[in-house]
Amino acid sequence: MRRFQIWGKEERNTYTIQEEEIGQVQIADEVVAIIAGLAAMEVDGVSSMAGTSTRDLISKLGKKNLSKGVKVDVLDGVVTVSLSLNLRFGKNIMEVSSRVQEKVKAAIENMTGLSVADVNIKVAGVDDDTEN
């Protein structure tokens, strides 16, 4: 595991996901968190990531905000993800959570080649879309 600094921001963890003769491929933990956030937001019933703006504002503010509400731990190529989500009122929490877990696991494994051991869900709130 290496640490590096980008444009004066705080240090981030990077993980080597491929090493060959011509070089290596590394991925930052924030990238894994963004992948998890994007995958979670695609699931019907998820209103927003806790601690971020709603789905409409995400496009204006940028995808980096999707890493808020996501904690990623990588140890020896195995990922543990914890997501804090706001769900839509009237949706079955167990069904939505299960679909989020499946979608996040598949997205991370397909895009990075890392193995996902756990996808933990914390329901931080329920949004009532009828208020708009």
C-alpha atoms as a PDB file:
ATOM      1  CA  MET A   1       0.000   0.000   0.000  1.00  0.00           C
ATOM      2  CA  ARG A   2       1.314   3.454  -0.924  1.00  0.00           C
ATOM      3  CA  ARG A   3       0.259   6.927   0.060  1.00  0.00           C
ATOM      4  CA  PHE A   4       0.437   9.931  -2.219  1.00  0.00           C
ATOM      5  CA  GLN A   5      -0.736  13.504  -2.325  1.00  0.00           C
ATOM      6  CA  ILE A   6      -2.752  15.112  -5.122  1.00  0.00           C
ATOM      7  CA  TRP A   7      -2.859  18.869  -5.683  1.00  0.00           C
ATOM      8  CA  GLY A   8      -2.379  19.769  -2.050  1.00  0.00           C
ATOM      9  CA  LYS A   9      -5.253  17.599  -0.820  1.00  0.00           C
ATOM     10  CA  GLU A  10      -4.985  15.144   2.044  1.00  0.00           C
ATOM     11  CA  GLU A  11      -3.158  11.883   1.481  1.00  0.00           C
ATOM     12  CA  ARG A  12      -5.105   8.967   0.056  1.00  0.00           C
ATOM     13  CA  ASN A  13      -4.461   5.254   0.011  1.00  0.00           C
ATOM     14  CA  THR A  14      -3.697   3.540  -3.268  1.00  0.00           C
ATOM     15  CA  TYR A  15      -3.749  -0.160  -4.024  1.00  0.00           C
ATOM     16  CA  THR A  16      -1.859  -2.050  -6.697  1.00  0.00           C
ATOM     17  CA  ILE A  17      -4.377  -4.061  -8.665  1.00  0.00           C
ATOM     18  CA  GLN A  18      -2.036  -5.260 -11.415  1.00  0.00           C
ATOM     19  CA  GLU A  19       1.730  -5.542 -11.690  1.00  0.00           C
ATOM     20  CA  GLU A  20       3.460  -6.640 -14.865  1.00  0.00           C
ATOM     21  CA  GLU A  21       6.789  -6.184 -16.614  1.00  0.00           C
ATOM     22  CA  ILE A  22       5.808  -2.879 -18.216  1.00  0.00           C
ATOM     23  CA  GLY A  23       4.430  -1.322 -15.021  1.00  0.00           C
ATOM     24  CA  GLN A  24       1.714  -1.434 -12.447  1.00  0.00           C
ATOM     25  CA  VAL A  25      -1.869  -0.282 -12.146  1.00  0.00           C
ATOM     26  CA  GLN A  26      -2.857   1.413  -8.904  1.00  0.00           C
ATOM     27  CA  ILE A  27      -6.250   2.584  -7.764  1.00  0.00           C
ATOM     28  CA  ALA A  28      -7.066   5.149  -5.083  1.00  0.00           C
ATOM     29  CA  ASP A  29      -9.493   4.246  -2.322  1.00  0.00           C
ATOM     30  CA  GLU A  30     -11.639   7.249  -3.296  1.00  0.00           C
ATOM     31  CA  VAL A  31     -12.122   5.715  -6.763  1.00  0.00           C
ATOM     32  CA  VAL A  32     -13.447   2.518  -5.180  1.00  0.00           C
ATOM     33  CA  ALA A  33     -15.740   4.667  -3.003  1.00  0.00           C
ATOM     34  CA  ILE A  34     -17.065   6.544  -6.047  1.00  0.00           C
ATOM     35  CA  ILE A  35     -17.730   3.257  -7.867  1.00  0.00           C
ATOM     36  CA  ALA A  36     -19.686   2.056  -4.813  1.00  0.00           C
ATOM     37  CA  GLY A  37     -21.646   5.311  -4.597  1.00  0.00           C
ATOM     38  CA  LEU A  38     -22.543   5.315  -8.286  1.00  0.00           C
ATOM     39  CA  ALA A  39     -23.663   1.683  -8.133  1.00  0.00           C
ATOM     40  CA  ALA A  40     -25.793   2.344  -5.032  1.00  0.00           C
ATOM     41  CA  MET A  41     -27.482   5.366  -6.637  1.00  0.00           C
ATOM     42  CA  GLU A  42     -28.565   3.213  -9.614  1.00  0.00           C
ATOM     43  CA  VAL A  43     -30.768   1.057  -7.379  1.00  0.00           C
ATOM     44  CA  ASP A  44     -34.461   1.956  -7.356  1.00  0.00           C
ATOM     45  CA  GLY A  45     -35.400   3.009  -3.848  1.00  0.00           C
ATOM     46  CA  VAL A  46     -32.141   4.805  -3.030  1.00  0.00           C
ATOM     47  CA  SER A  47     -32.803   8.520  -2.728  1.00  0.00           C
ATOM     48  CA  SER A  48     -29.290   9.780  -1.979  1.00  0.00           C
ATOM     49  CA  MET A  49     -26.040   9.057  -0.222  1.00  0.00           C
ATOM     50  CA  ALA A  50     -26.214  10.290   3.369  1.00  0.00           C
ATOM     51  CA  GLY A  51     -24.180  13.443   3.755  1.00  0.00           C
ATOM     52  CA  THR A  52     -24.543  14.440   0.090  1.00  0.00           C
ATOM     53  CA  SER A  53     -27.027  16.285  -2.040  1.00  0.00           C
ATOM     54  CA  THR A  54     -29.981  14.666  -3.704  1.00  0.00           C
ATOM     55  CA  ARG A  55     -29.722  12.886  -7.054  1.00  0.00           C
ATOM     56  CA  ASP A  56     -30.517  16.094  -9.010  1.00  0.00           C
ATOM     57  CA  LEU A  57     -27.720  18.079  -7.403  1.00  0.00           C
ATOM     58  CA  ILE A  58     -25.095  15.360  -7.839  1.00  0.00           C
ATOM     59  CA  SER A  59     -24.796  16.121 -11.546  1.00  0.00           C
ATOM     60  CA  LYS A  60     -24.191  19.803 -10.756  1.00  0.00           C
ATOM     61  CA  LEU A  61     -21.755  19.219  -7.914  1.00  0.00           C
ATOM     62  CA  GLY A  62     -19.806  16.379  -9.492  1.00  0.00           C
ATOM     63  CA  LYS A  63     -19.419  12.683  -8.841  1.00  0.00           C
ATOM     64  CA  LYS A  64     -16.829  13.206  -6.093  1.00  0.00           C
ATOM     65  CA  ASN A  65     -19.715  13.851  -3.697  1.00  0.00           C
ATOM     66  CA  LEU A  66     -20.750  10.230  -4.170  1.00  0.00           C
ATOM     67  CA  SER A  67     -17.772   9.157  -2.081  1.00  0.00           C
ATOM     68  CA  LYS A  68     -19.310  10.897   0.939  1.00  0.00           C
ATOM     69  CA  GLY A  69     -21.280   8.403   2.941  1.00  0.00           C
ATOM     70  CA  VAL A  70     -18.992   5.615   1.708  1.00  0.00           C
ATOM     71  CA  LYS A  71     -16.157   4.050   3.683  1.00  0.00           C
ATOM     72  CA  VAL A  72     -13.821   1.665   1.891  1.00  0.00           C
ATOM     73  CA  ASP A  73     -11.210  -0.586   3.489  1.00  0.00           C
ATOM     74  CA  VAL A  74      -8.902  -2.673   1.321  1.00  0.00           C
ATOM     75  CA  LEU A  75      -6.658  -5.294   2.872  1.00  0.00           C
ATOM     76  CA  ASP A  76      -4.667  -7.688   0.692  1.00  0.00           C
ATOM     77  CA  GLY A  77      -6.934  -7.106  -2.312  1.00  0.00           C
ATOM     78  CA  VAL A  78     -10.141  -7.703  -0.340  1.00  0.00           C
ATOM     79  CA  VAL A  79     -12.594  -4.813  -0.024  1.00  0.00           C
ATOM     80  CA  THR A  80     -15.010  -4.003   2.781  1.00  0.00           C
ATOM     81  CA  VAL A  81     -17.509  -1.247   1.947  1.00  0.00           C
ATOM     82  CA  SER A  82     -19.801   0.627   4.319  1.00  0.00           C
ATOM     83  CA  LEU A  83     -22.526   2.803   2.784  1.00  0.00           C
ATOM     84  CA  SER A  84     -24.755   5.328   4.512  1.00  0.00           C
ATOM     85  CA  LEU A  85     -27.920   5.825   2.451  1.00  0.00           C
ATOM     86  CA  ASN A  86     -31.186   7.721   2.408  1.00  0.00           C
ATOM     87  CA  LEU A  87     -33.993   5.590   1.012  1.00  0.00           C
ATOM     88  CA  ARG A  88     -37.290   6.554  -0.595  1.00  0.00           C
ATOM     89  CA  PHE A  89     -40.390   6.324   1.562  1.00  0.00           C
ATOM     90  CA  GLY A  90     -42.566   3.297   0.828  1.00  0.00           C
ATOM     91  CA  LYS A  91     -39.740   1.060  -0.424  1.00  0.00           C
ATOM     92  CA  ASN A  92     -38.910  -2.205   1.331  1.00  0.00           C
ATOM     93  CA  ILE A  93     -35.670  -1.559   3.217  1.00  0.00           C
ATOM     94  CA  MET A  94     -34.515  -5.190   3.119  1.00  0.00           C
ATOM     95  CA  GLU A  95     -35.105  -5.523  -0.648  1.00  0.00           C
ATOM     96  CA  VAL A  96     -33.429  -2.211  -1.495  1.00  0.00           C
ATOM     97  CA  SER A  97     -30.469  -2.981   0.793  1.00  0.00           C
ATOM     98  CA  SER A  98     -30.009  -6.423  -0.746  1.00  0.00           C
ATOM     99  CA  ARG A  99     -30.049  -4.989  -4.291  1.00  0.00           C
ATOM    100  CA  VAL A 100     -27.543  -2.295  -3.266  1.00  0.00           C
ATOM    101  CA  GLN A 101     -25.230  -4.926  -1.793  1.00  0.00           C
ATOM    102  CA  GLU A 102     -25.365  -7.027  -4.970  1.00  0.00           C
ATOM    103  CA  LYS A 103     -24.919  -4.041  -7.299  1.00  0.00           C
ATOM    104  CA  VAL A 104     -22.022  -2.523  -5.339  1.00  0.00           C
ATOM    105  CA  LYS A 105     -20.221  -5.868  -5.037  1.00  0.00           C
ATOM    106  CA  ALA A 106     -20.556  -6.579  -8.763  1.00  0.00           C
ATOM    107  CA  ALA A 107     -19.496  -3.066  -9.797  1.00  0.00           C
ATOM    108  CA  ILE A 108     -16.341  -3.048  -7.666  1.00  0.00           C
ATOM    109  CA  GLU A 109     -15.319  -6.578  -8.638  1.00  0.00           C
ATOM    110  CA  ASN A 110     -15.965  -6.020 -12.362  1.00  0.00           C
ATOM    111  CA  MET A 111     -14.272  -2.624 -12.566  1.00  0.00           C
ATOM    112  CA  THR A 112     -11.256  -3.178 -10.301  1.00  0.00           C
ATOM    113  CA  GLY A 113     -10.664  -6.911 -10.067  1.00  0.00           C
ATOM    114  CA  LEU A 114     -10.610  -6.586  -6.274  1.00  0.00           C
ATOM    115  CA  SER A 115     -12.613  -9.065  -4.194  1.00  0.00           C
ATOM    116  CA  VAL A 116     -15.490  -7.690  -2.099  1.00  0.00           C
ATOM    117  CA  ALA A 117     -15.957  -9.404   1.249  1.00  0.00           C
ATOM    118  CA  ASP A 118     -18.640  -7.183   2.797  1.00  0.00           C
ATOM    119  CA  VAL A 119     -21.050  -4.442   1.743  1.00  0.00           C
ATOM    120  CA  ASN A 120     -22.533  -2.962   4.914  1.00  0.00           C
ATOM    121  CA  ILE A 121     -25.579  -0.707   4.645  1.00  0.00           C
ATOM    122  CA  LYS A 122     -26.638   1.953   7.150  1.00  0.00           C
ATOM    123  CA  VAL A 123     -30.026   3.504   6.457  1.00  0.00           C
ATOM    124  CA  ALA A 124     -29.489   7.076   7.618  1.00  0.00           C
ATOM    125  CA  GLY A 125     -32.843   8.446   6.594  1.00  0.00           C
ATOM    126  CA  VAL A 126     -36.027   8.147   4.562  1.00  0.00           C
ATOM    127  CA  ASP A 127     -36.949  10.772   1.980  1.00  0.00           C
ATOM    128  CA  ASP A 128     -40.570  11.534   1.187  1.00  0.00           C
ATOM    129  CA  ASP A 129     -40.703  12.512  -2.503  1.00  0.00           C
ATOM    130  CA  THR A 130     -44.232  13.897  -2.135  1.00  0.00           C
ATOM    131  CA  GLU A 131     -42.951  17.014  -0.342  1.00  0.00           C
ATOM    132  CA  ASN A 132     -41.575  18.473  -3.612  1.00  0.00           C
END
